Amino acid sequence: MPWPVSLVLSGQALASYQFMFRLLYQCKLSERSLSESWKLLQLTRGMSLRELRPLFGVHQRMLAFVQGMLFYCCVSVVEPQWEMLMRRMQASTTLDELLGHHDAFLRACMHECMLDNAELINVSRTRARGPLCAQRRDAARAGDARRRRTVRDAAEARVRGPCEQSRSRAAQAGSRRAR
């Protein structure tokens, strides 16, 4: 870090920014993933599968939570704190006041975004790196292609209609017998 910037952005300040940006990035990434999965869920809409009904509700609640968390962090925490920091920086006369205002900004953002509780941060780290999470991640990666094929096949079956479905089943059965 070059000399004048290193006065304001210490290692602790950079770590705080990294925590906040990681939280915002993970929320945005989760929101995008949930939105993409919603597109896949829309393909099953016309089907009368009772097993999927709870999935729609859980999906909507997860998406609402992630969007609410993202909105809260950006609009209710960071933006007002940033405006307050800008006002205080303009009123500052010394470098020490400036550093104090910047530290107060970071502390307030970290506290209001719930990133100042070391116990919660350690729990989330261990769960994200634990063997159960790795197993789920590996299973999800392996099952993604299979689920996409199943949803795509169901959507195509809905579009094709019953006559074409029976023809395609007969063709598949014939190819299996030929093997």
Foldseek 3Di string as FASTA:
>chain_A
DDPVVCLQCPPVNVVLVVVLVVLLVVLVVVLVVLVVVVVLVVLCVVPPDPVCVVVVVVSVVVNVVSVVLNCCLPPVQLVVLVVVLVVQVVVDDDPVSNSVSSVVSSVRSCVSNVNPPVVVVVVVVCVCPDPVVVVVVVVCVVCVVVSSVVSVVSSVDVVVDDVVVVVVVVVVVVVVVVD
